[in-house]
Amino acid sequence: MVDFFSELGRRLMALSDGQNADYQAVVAAAVEANPWFTQRSVRMAARNLATDMLSERALEEWFVRYPELPATQSTDILIVMAGNIPFVGVHDLVCVLAAGHRAVVKPSSKDSVLMRWVVAQLIDIEPLTRVSFDGDPAAVVAMGGDDAIAALGAQYAGLPALLRGHRSSLAVLDGTENRSQLEGLADDILSFSGLGCRNVSLIFVPRGYDFSLLQSIVTQRVNALNVKYHNNYRRARALMDMTSAEYIDCGACLLIEKKSFSTNVSVCHYAFYDSKDEVRLWISQHADEIQCVAGLDVDFGKTQHPTLLDYPDGIDTVKFLLSIR
C-alpha cells in the first residue's frame, strides 16, 4: 500500500509542478468549476499532500501505527467530501482504502474535478482499486458544514457514521515572533482564501501588542488572492466604515478586536490577554470548536500542512473504520 499511495503522491507532485500539459488542463478545469480556487492554490494543495501525507516516509510511519490493517471484514464506506479547499477529501479516501474497504466517493460539486482526477489516477495505478462513485454503503464518513452534517445524520440514521462539522483554528502569539514566523502566520490566515477549517481566524496577542509588522506582511500578499476574496474584503471594509467600527486594515484582510472566530474569510479577529492561563482556559472551554492552534500545537505556517495523523476533529478515522462490523 505504501507504493500504491506514494505513486499517487508522485503524480500530485507532478501536477503541482505544472509541467505536464494534461495536468495543466486539470488544474484549469478545477479553477473554472470553482472560482474560489486559483491555479496557485490547487498546486499548493497538491504539493502539500505529496510531501506531508503521501511521501514514502510519511506513509511508512503512518502504517506502522496500525498493524491491524487491513480490516478483517470489508464493506462499502460512503465518503461525503467537502469542497472548501482543493483535494480536501483525499485524507478520508486514503484511510478507507488503507483499511481494506470499498470507497463510495461523493465529491463536492466544488471540488469534483480534482477528486474525480484522483480516483482516475488510483485506478490507473491499480485497476483493481476498490473505489467508485455509487454503491449501497454500510457506513458513512463525512466532513462539511453543520447543516449538511445534520442532514446526513438524519439520512443515514442507523448506520455507523463519522460525521465532522465546522471547526475553526486560532493562533497564540507571545510578542517575540520573528518576521519568518509572522510570514507563516500570514499564510495560515490567507491560504486557500481563508476557507479551510485549519485557516486561522482568531489571534490571541499580549496586551499592548504592536500589529505593524504583521500588518505589513499581510499587505504584501494582496496580489496572491483571488477576485472573490478581494470582493469579500471590500464589502467587509465598507460595512465597517459605514458603522464607524474600529479595525486594522491589512490591505488583504481586516483585523477586528473580538474574542470569537471570524465567519468572514476576509476578516480575522484578535483578542488581548494578560496571561497565557487566560488563553489556555478559553481554549479548553471551546475545544469542540477548534481544529488546531498555531503557536502552540502547530508551528506558524504549518496549519495547512496536516499529516496523515492530523485527523479532522481529532477523531482517528482508521480506528473508526476498523471498528465497523
C-alpha atoms as a PDB file:
ATOM      1  CA  MET A   1       0.000   0.000   0.000  1.00  0.00           C
ATOM      2  CA  VAL A   2       2.912   2.348   0.602  1.00  0.00           C
ATOM      3  CA  ASP A   3       3.997   2.029  -3.033  1.00  0.00           C
ATOM      4  CA  PHE A   4       0.397   2.485  -4.197  1.00  0.00           C
ATOM      5  CA  PHE A   5      -0.231   5.706  -2.290  1.00  0.00           C
ATOM      6  CA  SER A   6       3.259   7.107  -2.796  1.00  0.00           C
ATOM      7  CA  GLU A   7       2.757   6.806  -6.551  1.00  0.00           C
ATOM      8  CA  LEU A   8      -0.350   8.966  -6.157  1.00  0.00           C
ATOM      9  CA  GLY A   9       1.877  11.377  -4.237  1.00  0.00           C
ATOM     10  CA  ARG A  10       4.333  11.499  -7.123  1.00  0.00           C
ATOM     11  CA  ARG A  11       1.519  12.295  -9.540  1.00  0.00           C
ATOM     12  CA  LEU A  12       0.231  15.037  -7.266  1.00  0.00           C
ATOM     13  CA  MET A  13       3.728  16.490  -7.142  1.00  0.00           C
ATOM     14  CA  ALA A  14       3.866  16.417 -10.944  1.00  0.00           C
ATOM     15  CA  LEU A  15       0.531  18.228 -11.062  1.00  0.00           C
ATOM     16  CA  SER A  16       1.864  20.855  -8.652  1.00  0.00           C
ATOM     17  CA  ASP A  17       4.919  21.420 -10.884  1.00  0.00           C
ATOM     18  CA  GLY A  18       2.688  22.483 -13.773  1.00  0.00           C
ATOM     19  CA  GLN A  19       4.911  20.967 -16.485  1.00  0.00           C
ATOM     20  CA  ASN A  20       2.559  18.266 -17.786  1.00  0.00           C
ATOM     21  CA  ALA A  21       0.041  19.618 -20.327  1.00  0.00           C
ATOM     22  CA  ASP A  22      -2.685  17.156 -19.268  1.00  0.00           C
ATOM     23  CA  TYR A  23      -2.220  18.116 -15.631  1.00  0.00           C
ATOM     24  CA  GLN A  24      -2.340  21.801 -16.561  1.00  0.00           C
ATOM     25  CA  ALA A  25      -5.742  21.173 -18.120  1.00  0.00           C
ATOM     26  CA  VAL A  26      -6.968  19.513 -14.915  1.00  0.00           C
ATOM     27  CA  VAL A  27      -5.917  22.496 -12.820  1.00  0.00           C
ATOM     28  CA  ALA A  28      -7.535  24.926 -15.262  1.00  0.00           C
ATOM     29  CA  ALA A  29     -10.792  22.926 -15.232  1.00  0.00           C
ATOM     30  CA  ALA A  30     -10.834  22.870 -11.418  1.00  0.00           C
ATOM     31  CA  VAL A  31     -10.411  26.648 -11.259  1.00  0.00           C
ATOM     32  CA  GLU A  32     -13.113  27.178 -13.860  1.00  0.00           C
ATOM     33  CA  ALA A  33     -15.515  24.963 -11.897  1.00  0.00           C
ATOM     34  CA  ASN A  34     -14.853  26.753  -8.595  1.00  0.00           C
ATOM     35  CA  PRO A  35     -13.874  30.446  -8.808  1.00  0.00           C
ATOM     36  CA  TRP A  36     -12.680  30.354  -5.166  1.00  0.00           C
ATOM     37  CA  PHE A  37      -9.821  28.137  -6.364  1.00  0.00           C
ATOM     38  CA  THR A  38      -6.751  29.563  -8.064  1.00  0.00           C
ATOM     39  CA  GLN A  39      -4.100  27.707 -10.010  1.00  0.00           C
ATOM     40  CA  ARG A  40      -1.671  28.598  -7.234  1.00  0.00           C
ATOM     41  CA  SER A  41      -3.933  27.190  -4.502  1.00  0.00           C
ATOM     42  CA  VAL A  42      -4.625  23.957  -6.386  1.00  0.00           C
ATOM     43  CA  ARG A  43      -0.923  23.369  -6.961  1.00  0.00           C
ATOM     44  CA  MET A  44      -0.134  24.262  -3.357  1.00  0.00           C
ATOM     45  CA  ALA A  45      -2.680  21.746  -2.067  1.00  0.00           C
ATOM     46  CA  ALA A  46      -1.292  19.058  -4.381  1.00  0.00           C
ATOM     47  CA  ARG A  47       2.265  19.760  -3.221  1.00  0.00           C
ATOM     48  CA  ASN A  48       1.279  19.706   0.443  1.00  0.00           C
ATOM     49  CA  LEU A  49      -0.429  16.336   0.019  1.00  0.00           C
ATOM     50  CA  ALA A  50       2.527  14.894  -1.857  1.00  0.00           C
ATOM     51  CA  THR A  51       5.084  15.976   0.723  1.00  0.00           C
ATOM     52  CA  ASP A  52       3.189  15.871   4.030  1.00  0.00           C
ATOM     53  CA  MET A  53       0.937  12.830   3.560  1.00  0.00           C
ATOM     54  CA  LEU A  54       1.876  10.748   0.540  1.00  0.00           C
ATOM     55  CA  SER A  55       5.647  10.536   0.671  1.00  0.00           C
ATOM     56  CA  GLU A  56       7.064   7.057   1.259  1.00  0.00           C
ATOM     57  CA  ARG A  57       8.427   8.086   4.653  1.00  0.00           C
ATOM     58  CA  ALA A  58       5.141   9.625   5.830  1.00  0.00           C
ATOM     59  CA  LEU A  59       3.180   6.564   4.715  1.00  0.00           C
ATOM     60  CA  GLU A  60       5.580   4.093   6.319  1.00  0.00           C
ATOM     61  CA  GLU A  61       5.450   5.961   9.638  1.00  0.00           C
ATOM     62  CA  TRP A  62       1.646   6.026   9.455  1.00  0.00           C
ATOM     63  CA  PHE A  63       1.126   2.366   8.552  1.00  0.00           C
ATOM     64  CA  VAL A  64       3.415   1.142  11.328  1.00  0.00           C
ATOM     65  CA  ARG A  65       0.976   2.612  13.852  1.00  0.00           C
ATOM     66  CA  TYR A  66      -1.799   0.333  12.582  1.00  0.00           C
ATOM     67  CA  PRO A  67      -0.527  -3.246  12.476  1.00  0.00           C
ATOM     68  CA  GLU A  68      -4.150  -4.451  12.369  1.00  0.00           C
ATOM     69  CA  LEU A  69      -4.646  -3.053   8.842  1.00  0.00           C
ATOM     70  CA  PRO A  70      -6.463  -4.059   6.736  1.00  0.00           C
ATOM     71  CA  ALA A  71      -9.784  -4.751   8.454  1.00  0.00           C
ATOM     72  CA  THR A  72     -10.793  -8.397   8.706  1.00  0.00           C
ATOM     73  CA  GLN A  73     -14.223  -7.616   7.272  1.00  0.00           C
ATOM     74  CA  SER A  74     -14.510  -5.361   4.237  1.00  0.00           C
ATOM     75  CA  THR A  75     -17.572  -3.279   3.417  1.00  0.00           C
ATOM     76  CA  ASP A  76     -18.705  -0.250   1.427  1.00  0.00           C
ATOM     77  CA  ILE A  77     -17.933   3.121   3.023  1.00  0.00           C
ATOM     78  CA  LEU A  78     -19.585   6.267   1.717  1.00  0.00           C
ATOM     79  CA  ILE A  79     -17.211   9.253   1.804  1.00  0.00           C
ATOM     80  CA  VAL A  80     -19.066  12.561   1.625  1.00  0.00           C
ATOM     81  CA  MET A  81     -16.426  15.149   0.816  1.00  0.00           C
ATOM     82  CA  ALA A  82     -16.272  18.865   1.493  1.00  0.00           C
ATOM     83  CA  GLY A  83     -15.142  21.220  -1.256  1.00  0.00           C
ATOM     84  CA  ASN A  84     -13.914  24.286   0.577  1.00  0.00           C
ATOM     85  CA  ILE A  85     -10.271  23.744  -0.385  1.00  0.00           C
ATOM     86  CA  PRO A  86      -8.688  21.640  -3.161  1.00  0.00           C
ATOM     87  CA  PHE A  87      -8.307  17.876  -2.595  1.00  0.00           C
ATOM     88  CA  VAL A  88      -9.812  18.077   0.911  1.00  0.00           C
ATOM     89  CA  GLY A  89     -11.327  14.585   0.562  1.00  0.00           C
ATOM     90  CA  VAL A  90      -8.052  12.763  -0.132  1.00  0.00           C
ATOM     91  CA  HIS A  91      -7.254  12.001   3.516  1.00  0.00           C
ATOM     92  CA  ASP A  92     -10.554  10.154   4.063  1.00  0.00           C
ATOM     93  CA  LEU A  93     -10.130   8.284   0.771  1.00  0.00           C
ATOM     94  CA  VAL A  94      -6.657   7.109   1.765  1.00  0.00           C
ATOM     95  CA  CYS A  95      -7.939   5.941   5.151  1.00  0.00           C
ATOM     96  CA  VAL A  96     -10.839   3.953   3.662  1.00  0.00           C
ATOM     97  CA  LEU A  97      -8.702   2.211   1.053  1.00  0.00           C
ATOM     98  CA  ALA A  98      -5.905   1.517   3.536  1.00  0.00           C
ATOM     99  CA  ALA A  99      -8.454  -0.124   5.826  1.00  0.00           C
ATOM    100  CA  GLY A 100      -9.366  -2.515   3.018  1.00  0.00           C
ATOM    101  CA  HIS A 101     -12.859  -1.176   2.479  1.00  0.00           C
ATOM    102  CA  ARG A 102     -14.507  -0.176  -0.784  1.00  0.00           C
ATOM    103  CA  ALA A 103     -14.741   3.598  -1.116  1.00  0.00           C
ATOM    104  CA  VAL A 104     -18.002   5.036  -2.415  1.00  0.00           C
ATOM    105  CA  VAL A 105     -16.966   8.586  -3.221  1.00  0.00           C
ATOM    106  CA  LYS A 106     -19.380  11.510  -3.168  1.00  0.00           C
ATOM    107  CA  PRO A 107     -17.285  14.566  -4.065  1.00  0.00           C
ATOM    108  CA  SER A 108     -18.485  18.093  -3.505  1.00  0.00           C
ATOM    109  CA  SER A 109     -19.524  19.856  -6.689  1.00  0.00           C
ATOM    110  CA  LYS A 110     -16.943  22.500  -5.711  1.00  0.00           C
ATOM    111  CA  ASP A 111     -14.078  20.006  -5.867  1.00  0.00           C
ATOM    112  CA  SER A 112     -15.442  17.346  -8.201  1.00  0.00           C
ATOM    113  CA  VAL A 113     -12.864  17.909 -10.950  1.00  0.00           C
ATOM    114  CA  LEU A 114      -9.907  17.245  -8.674  1.00  0.00           C
ATOM    115  CA  MET A 115     -11.407  14.317  -6.746  1.00  0.00           C
ATOM    116  CA  ARG A 116     -12.505  12.571  -9.949  1.00  0.00           C
ATOM    117  CA  TRP A 117      -8.953  13.049 -11.223  1.00  0.00           C
ATOM    118  CA  VAL A 118      -7.589  11.474  -8.027  1.00  0.00           C
ATOM    119  CA  VAL A 119      -9.911   8.471  -8.381  1.00  0.00           C
ATOM    120  CA  ALA A 120      -8.875   8.078 -12.031  1.00  0.00           C
ATOM    121  CA  GLN A 121      -5.205   8.152 -11.012  1.00  0.00           C
ATOM    122  CA  LEU A 122      -5.739   5.479  -8.362  1.00  0.00           C
ATOM    123  CA  ILE A 123      -7.452   3.195 -10.867  1.00  0.00           C
ATOM    124  CA  ASP A 124      -4.691   3.854 -13.387  1.00  0.00           C
ATOM    125  CA  ILE A 125      -2.075   2.891 -10.777  1.00  0.00           C
ATOM    126  CA  GLU A 126      -4.016  -0.236  -9.775  1.00  0.00           C
ATOM    127  CA  PRO A 127      -7.064  -1.189 -11.899  1.00  0.00           C
ATOM    128  CA  LEU A 128      -8.458  -3.360  -9.088  1.00  0.00           C
ATOM    129  CA  THR A 129      -8.673  -0.409  -6.684  1.00  0.00           C
ATOM    130  CA  ARG A 130     -11.982  -0.692  -4.855  1.00  0.00           C
ATOM    131  CA  VAL A 131     -13.390   2.763  -5.453  1.00  0.00           C
ATOM    132  CA  SER A 132     -16.480   4.030  -7.264  1.00  0.00           C
ATOM    133  CA  PHE A 133     -18.982   6.850  -7.266  1.00  0.00           C
ATOM    134  CA  ASP A 134     -22.052   4.777  -6.401  1.00  0.00           C
ATOM    135  CA  GLY A 135     -22.962   1.958  -4.066  1.00  0.00           C
ATOM    136  CA  ASP A 136     -25.008   0.893  -1.069  1.00  0.00           C
ATOM    137  CA  PRO A 137     -22.921   1.956   1.939  1.00  0.00           C
ATOM    138  CA  ALA A 138     -22.724   0.164   5.263  1.00  0.00           C
ATOM    139  CA  ALA A 139     -21.114   3.184   6.962  1.00  0.00           C
ATOM    140  CA  VAL A 140     -20.504   6.854   6.335  1.00  0.00           C
ATOM    141  CA  VAL A 141     -17.501   9.170   6.719  1.00  0.00           C
ATOM    142  CA  ALA A 142     -18.276  12.822   6.086  1.00  0.00           C
ATOM    143  CA  MET A 143     -16.976  16.324   6.598  1.00  0.00           C
ATOM    144  CA  GLY A 144     -18.813  19.569   5.881  1.00  0.00           C
ATOM    145  CA  GLY A 145     -20.891  22.402   7.219  1.00  0.00           C
ATOM    146  CA  ASP A 146     -23.009  21.868  10.312  1.00  0.00           C
ATOM    147  CA  ASP A 147     -26.321  21.926   8.403  1.00  0.00           C
ATOM    148  CA  ALA A 148     -25.087  19.420   5.837  1.00  0.00           C
ATOM    149  CA  ILE A 149     -23.754  17.128   8.566  1.00  0.00           C
ATOM    150  CA  ALA A 150     -27.077  17.260  10.430  1.00  0.00           C
ATOM    151  CA  ALA A 151     -28.902  16.300   7.235  1.00  0.00           C
ATOM    152  CA  LEU A 152     -26.506  13.409   6.627  1.00  0.00           C
ATOM    153  CA  GLY A 153     -27.020  12.177  10.172  1.00  0.00           C
ATOM    154  CA  ALA A 154     -30.746  12.012   9.553  1.00  0.00           C
ATOM    155  CA  GLN A 155     -30.394  10.481   6.097  1.00  0.00           C
ATOM    156  CA  TYR A 156     -28.114   7.681   7.264  1.00  0.00           C
ATOM    157  CA  ALA A 157     -29.523   7.159  10.745  1.00  0.00           C
ATOM    158  CA  GLY A 158     -28.803   3.628  11.879  1.00  0.00           C
ATOM    159  CA  LEU A 159     -25.520   3.305  10.004  1.00  0.00           C
ATOM    160  CA  PRO A 160     -22.138   3.674  11.706  1.00  0.00           C
ATOM    161  CA  ALA A 161     -21.112   7.233  10.898  1.00  0.00           C
ATOM    162  CA  LEU A 162     -18.154   9.519  11.449  1.00  0.00           C
ATOM    163  CA  LEU A 163     -19.591  12.986  10.875  1.00  0.00           C
ATOM    164  CA  ARG A 164     -17.396  16.053  11.274  1.00  0.00           C
ATOM    165  CA  GLY A 165     -18.933  19.526  11.193  1.00  0.00           C
ATOM    166  CA  HIS A 166     -17.483  23.007  11.060  1.00  0.00           C
ATOM    167  CA  ARG A 167     -14.424  23.867  13.141  1.00  0.00           C
ATOM    168  CA  SER A 168     -12.053  26.825  13.232  1.00  0.00           C
ATOM    169  CA  SER A 169      -8.417  27.489  14.063  1.00  0.00           C
ATOM    170  CA  LEU A 170      -6.591  30.128  16.067  1.00  0.00           C
ATOM    171  CA  ALA A 171      -3.094  31.404  16.773  1.00  0.00           C
ATOM    172  CA  VAL A 172      -1.433  32.374  20.032  1.00  0.00           C
ATOM    173  CA  LEU A 173       1.379  34.958  19.890  1.00  0.00           C
ATOM    174  CA  ASP A 174       3.653  35.993  22.743  1.00  0.00           C
ATOM    175  CA  GLY A 175       5.147  39.070  21.075  1.00  0.00           C
ATOM    176  CA  THR A 176       8.600  37.594  20.419  1.00  0.00           C
ATOM    177  CA  GLU A 177       7.781  36.177  16.973  1.00  0.00           C
ATOM    178  CA  ASN A 178      10.269  36.998  14.227  1.00  0.00           C
ATOM    179  CA  ARG A 179       9.464  38.006  10.676  1.00  0.00           C
ATOM    180  CA  SER A 180       9.619  34.438   9.381  1.00  0.00           C
ATOM    181  CA  GLN A 181       7.090  33.263  11.967  1.00  0.00           C
ATOM    182  CA  LEU A 182       4.730  36.119  11.165  1.00  0.00           C
ATOM    183  CA  GLU A 183       5.047  35.339   7.463  1.00  0.00           C
ATOM    184  CA  GLY A 184       3.965  31.821   8.359  1.00  0.00           C
ATOM    185  CA  LEU A 185       1.015  33.210  10.314  1.00  0.00           C
ATOM    186  CA  ALA A 186       0.002  35.301   7.285  1.00  0.00           C
ATOM    187  CA  ASP A 187      -0.072  32.085   5.258  1.00  0.00           C
ATOM    188  CA  ASP A 188      -2.143  30.403   7.972  1.00  0.00           C
ATOM    189  CA  ILE A 189      -4.695  33.196   7.668  1.00  0.00           C
ATOM    190  CA  LEU A 190      -4.811  33.674   3.893  1.00  0.00           C
ATOM    191  CA  SER A 191      -4.020  30.339   2.222  1.00  0.00           C
ATOM    192  CA  PHE A 192      -6.924  28.935   0.196  1.00  0.00           C
ATOM    193  CA  SER A 193      -8.760  32.261   0.634  1.00  0.00           C
ATOM    194  CA  GLY A 194      -9.192  31.518   4.338  1.00  0.00           C
ATOM    195  CA  LEU A 195     -11.868  28.901   3.613  1.00  0.00           C
ATOM    196  CA  GLY A 196     -10.326  25.926   5.427  1.00  0.00           C
ATOM    197  CA  CYS A 197     -11.046  24.765   8.960  1.00  0.00           C
ATOM    198  CA  ARG A 198      -7.281  24.991   9.531  1.00  0.00           C
ATOM    199  CA  ASN A 199      -7.122  28.651   8.495  1.00  0.00           C
ATOM    200  CA  VAL A 200      -6.504  30.978  11.441  1.00  0.00           C
ATOM    201  CA  SER A 201      -9.480  33.269  12.073  1.00  0.00           C
ATOM    202  CA  LEU A 202      -8.696  34.355  15.661  1.00  0.00           C
ATOM    203  CA  ILE A 203      -5.412  35.574  17.128  1.00  0.00           C
ATOM    204  CA  PHE A 204      -4.574  35.931  20.822  1.00  0.00           C
ATOM    205  CA  VAL A 205      -1.895  38.560  21.474  1.00  0.00           C
ATOM    206  CA  PRO A 206      -0.382  40.008  24.683  1.00  0.00           C
ATOM    207  CA  ARG A 207      -1.921  43.292  25.767  1.00  0.00           C
ATOM    208  CA  GLY A 208      -0.227  46.233  24.044  1.00  0.00           C
ATOM    209  CA  TYR A 209       0.875  44.111  21.073  1.00  0.00           C
ATOM    210  CA  ASP A 210       2.170  46.073  18.061  1.00  0.00           C
ATOM    211  CA  PHE A 211       0.482  44.798  14.879  1.00  0.00           C
ATOM    212  CA  SER A 212       2.554  46.905  12.471  1.00  0.00           C
ATOM    213  CA  LEU A 213       4.898  44.137  11.241  1.00  0.00           C
ATOM    214  CA  LEU A 214       2.093  41.596  10.799  1.00  0.00           C
ATOM    215  CA  GLN A 215       0.038  44.295   9.058  1.00  0.00           C
ATOM    216  CA  SER A 216       2.885  44.947   6.614  1.00  0.00           C
ATOM    217  CA  ILE A 217       3.448  41.255   5.910  1.00  0.00           C
ATOM    218  CA  VAL A 218      -0.235  40.528   5.232  1.00  0.00           C
ATOM    219  CA  THR A 219      -0.490  43.576   2.956  1.00  0.00           C
ATOM    220  CA  GLN A 220       2.311  42.196   0.790  1.00  0.00           C
ATOM    221  CA  ARG A 221       0.147  39.167  -0.048  1.00  0.00           C
ATOM    222  CA  VAL A 222      -2.649  41.166  -1.687  1.00  0.00           C
ATOM    223  CA  ASN A 223      -1.783  40.156  -5.257  1.00  0.00           C
ATOM    224  CA  ALA A 224      -1.829  36.434  -4.432  1.00  0.00           C
ATOM    225  CA  LEU A 225      -5.538  36.481  -3.529  1.00  0.00           C
ATOM    226  CA  ASN A 226      -8.359  35.890  -5.979  1.00  0.00           C
ATOM    227  CA  VAL A 227     -11.147  38.211  -7.114  1.00  0.00           C
ATOM    228  CA  LYS A 228     -13.859  36.654  -4.965  1.00  0.00           C
ATOM    229  CA  TYR A 229     -11.739  37.083  -1.858  1.00  0.00           C
ATOM    230  CA  HIS A 230     -10.989  40.712  -2.750  1.00  0.00           C
ATOM    231  CA  ASN A 231     -14.705  41.411  -3.218  1.00  0.00           C
ATOM    232  CA  ASN A 232     -15.378  39.954   0.233  1.00  0.00           C
ATOM    233  CA  TYR A 233     -12.646  42.143   1.722  1.00  0.00           C
ATOM    234  CA  ARG A 234     -14.028  45.309   0.100  1.00  0.00           C
ATOM    235  CA  ARG A 235     -17.556  44.597   1.348  1.00  0.00           C
ATOM    236  CA  ALA A 236     -16.302  43.951   4.871  1.00  0.00           C
ATOM    237  CA  ARG A 237     -14.291  47.166   4.894  1.00  0.00           C
ATOM    238  CA  ALA A 238     -17.223  49.199   3.532  1.00  0.00           C
ATOM    239  CA  LEU A 239     -19.509  47.804   6.239  1.00  0.00           C
ATOM    240  CA  MET A 240     -17.011  48.667   8.969  1.00  0.00           C
ATOM    241  CA  ASP A 241     -16.683  52.200   7.592  1.00  0.00           C
ATOM    242  CA  MET A 242     -20.464  52.641   7.460  1.00  0.00           C
ATOM    243  CA  THR A 243     -20.781  51.696  11.122  1.00  0.00           C
ATOM    244  CA  SER A 244     -17.657  53.647  12.158  1.00  0.00           C
ATOM    245  CA  ALA A 245     -16.290  50.487  13.731  1.00  0.00           C
ATOM    246  CA  GLU A 246     -12.591  50.192  14.523  1.00  0.00           C
ATOM    247  CA  TYR A 247     -10.355  47.836  12.581  1.00  0.00           C
ATOM    248  CA  ILE A 248      -6.775  47.373  11.421  1.00  0.00           C
ATOM    249  CA  ASP A 249      -6.629  47.382   7.622  1.00  0.00           C
ATOM    250  CA  CYS A 250      -4.024  44.940   6.334  1.00  0.00           C
ATOM    251  CA  GLY A 251      -4.844  45.512   2.680  1.00  0.00           C
ATOM    252  CA  ALA A 252      -5.717  41.847   2.258  1.00  0.00           C
ATOM    253  CA  CYS A 253      -7.828  41.393   5.379  1.00  0.00           C
ATOM    254  CA  LEU A 254      -9.243  43.292   8.332  1.00  0.00           C
ATOM    255  CA  LEU A 255      -8.144  42.683  11.926  1.00  0.00           C
ATOM    256  CA  ILE A 256     -11.030  43.296  14.322  1.00  0.00           C
ATOM    257  CA  GLU A 257     -10.908  43.054  18.095  1.00  0.00           C
ATOM    258  CA  LYS A 258     -13.337  40.328  19.106  1.00  0.00           C
ATOM    259  CA  LYS A 259     -12.830  37.164  21.147  1.00  0.00           C
ATOM    260  CA  SER A 260     -14.513  34.757  18.753  1.00  0.00           C
ATOM    261  CA  PHE A 261     -13.833  33.032  15.463  1.00  0.00           C
ATOM    262  CA  SER A 262     -14.485  35.156  12.407  1.00  0.00           C
ATOM    263  CA  THR A 263     -17.015  33.770   9.936  1.00  0.00           C
ATOM    264  CA  ASN A 264     -15.901  36.148   7.184  1.00  0.00           C
ATOM    265  CA  VAL A 265     -12.945  34.904   5.119  1.00  0.00           C
ATOM    266  CA  SER A 266     -11.573  38.438   4.752  1.00  0.00           C
ATOM    267  CA  VAL A 267     -11.702  39.196   8.481  1.00  0.00           C
ATOM    268  CA  CYS A 268      -9.510  37.874  11.283  1.00  0.00           C
ATOM    269  CA  HIS A 269     -10.437  38.571  14.888  1.00  0.00           C
ATOM    270  CA  TYR A 270      -7.933  39.268  17.656  1.00  0.00           C
ATOM    271  CA  ALA A 271      -8.096  39.377  21.430  1.00  0.00           C
ATOM    272  CA  PHE A 272      -5.650  40.647  24.046  1.00  0.00           C
ATOM    273  CA  TYR A 273      -4.580  38.558  27.017  1.00  0.00           C
ATOM    274  CA  ASP A 274      -2.720  39.318  30.238  1.00  0.00           C
ATOM    275  CA  SER A 275      -1.582  35.772  30.953  1.00  0.00           C
ATOM    276  CA  LYS A 276      -1.300  32.539  28.982  1.00  0.00           C
ATOM    277  CA  ASP A 277      -3.563  30.925  31.574  1.00  0.00           C
ATOM    278  CA  GLU A 278      -6.432  33.034  30.228  1.00  0.00           C
ATOM    279  CA  VAL A 279      -5.773  31.684  26.748  1.00  0.00           C
ATOM    280  CA  ARG A 280      -5.496  28.074  27.894  1.00  0.00           C
ATOM    281  CA  LEU A 281      -8.807  28.408  29.752  1.00  0.00           C
ATOM    282  CA  TRP A 282     -10.528  29.852  26.686  1.00  0.00           C
ATOM    283  CA  ILE A 283      -9.157  27.076  24.500  1.00  0.00           C
ATOM    284  CA  SER A 284     -10.347  24.399  26.925  1.00  0.00           C
ATOM    285  CA  GLN A 285     -13.811  25.971  27.024  1.00  0.00           C
ATOM    286  CA  HIS A 286     -14.042  25.993  23.225  1.00  0.00           C
ATOM    287  CA  ALA A 287     -12.233  22.739  22.463  1.00  0.00           C
ATOM    288  CA  ASP A 288     -15.123  21.322  20.453  1.00  0.00           C
ATOM    289  CA  GLU A 289     -14.939  24.309  18.073  1.00  0.00           C
ATOM    290  CA  ILE A 290     -11.178  24.160  17.443  1.00  0.00           C
ATOM    291  CA  GLN A 291      -9.302  22.336  14.702  1.00  0.00           C
ATOM    292  CA  CYS A 292      -5.761  23.469  15.530  1.00  0.00           C
ATOM    293  CA  VAL A 293      -3.794  26.176  17.364  1.00  0.00           C
ATOM    294  CA  ALA A 294      -0.858  27.838  15.603  1.00  0.00           C
ATOM    295  CA  GLY A 295       1.902  28.795  18.001  1.00  0.00           C
ATOM    296  CA  LEU A 296       1.011  26.024  20.447  1.00  0.00           C
ATOM    297  CA  ASP A 297       0.343  22.649  18.829  1.00  0.00           C
ATOM    298  CA  VAL A 298       1.263  23.672  15.261  1.00  0.00           C
ATOM    299  CA  ASP A 299       4.181  25.824  14.101  1.00  0.00           C
ATOM    300  CA  PHE A 300       3.322  29.088  12.376  1.00  0.00           C
ATOM    301  CA  GLY A 301       2.946  28.496   8.654  1.00  0.00           C
ATOM    302  CA  LYS A 302       2.088  24.810   9.120  1.00  0.00           C
ATOM    303  CA  THR A 303      -1.660  24.813   9.729  1.00  0.00           C
ATOM    304  CA  GLN A 304      -2.276  23.906   6.073  1.00  0.00           C
ATOM    305  CA  HIS A 305       0.294  21.109   6.167  1.00  0.00           C
ATOM    306  CA  PRO A 306      -1.571  18.379   8.049  1.00  0.00           C
ATOM    307  CA  THR A 307      -0.025  14.927   8.193  1.00  0.00           C
ATOM    308  CA  LEU A 308      -1.823  11.603   7.971  1.00  0.00           C
ATOM    309  CA  LEU A 309      -2.118  11.652  11.767  1.00  0.00           C
ATOM    310  CA  ASP A 310      -3.854  15.042  11.842  1.00  0.00           C
ATOM    311  CA  TYR A 311      -7.370  13.657  11.788  1.00  0.00           C
ATOM    312  CA  PRO A 312     -10.237  16.139  11.422  1.00  0.00           C
ATOM    313  CA  ASP A 313     -11.772  16.943  14.811  1.00  0.00           C
ATOM    314  CA  GLY A 314      -9.071  14.785  16.419  1.00  0.00           C
ATOM    315  CA  ILE A 315     -11.059  11.602  15.748  1.00  0.00           C
ATOM    316  CA  ASP A 316      -8.939   8.705  14.465  1.00  0.00           C
ATOM    317  CA  THR A 317     -10.554   7.784  11.147  1.00  0.00           C
ATOM    318  CA  VAL A 318      -8.656   4.500  10.869  1.00  0.00           C
ATOM    319  CA  LYS A 319      -9.825   3.261  14.276  1.00  0.00           C
ATOM    320  CA  PHE A 320     -13.405   4.094  13.300  1.00  0.00           C
ATOM    321  CA  LEU A 321     -13.045   2.146  10.059  1.00  0.00           C
ATOM    322  CA  LEU A 322     -11.518  -0.846  11.863  1.00  0.00           C
ATOM    323  CA  SER A 323     -14.437  -0.885  14.303  1.00  0.00           C
ATOM    324  CA  ILE A 324     -17.079  -1.426  11.608  1.00  0.00           C
ATOM    325  CA  ARG A 325     -18.587  -4.910  11.609  1.00  0.00           C
END
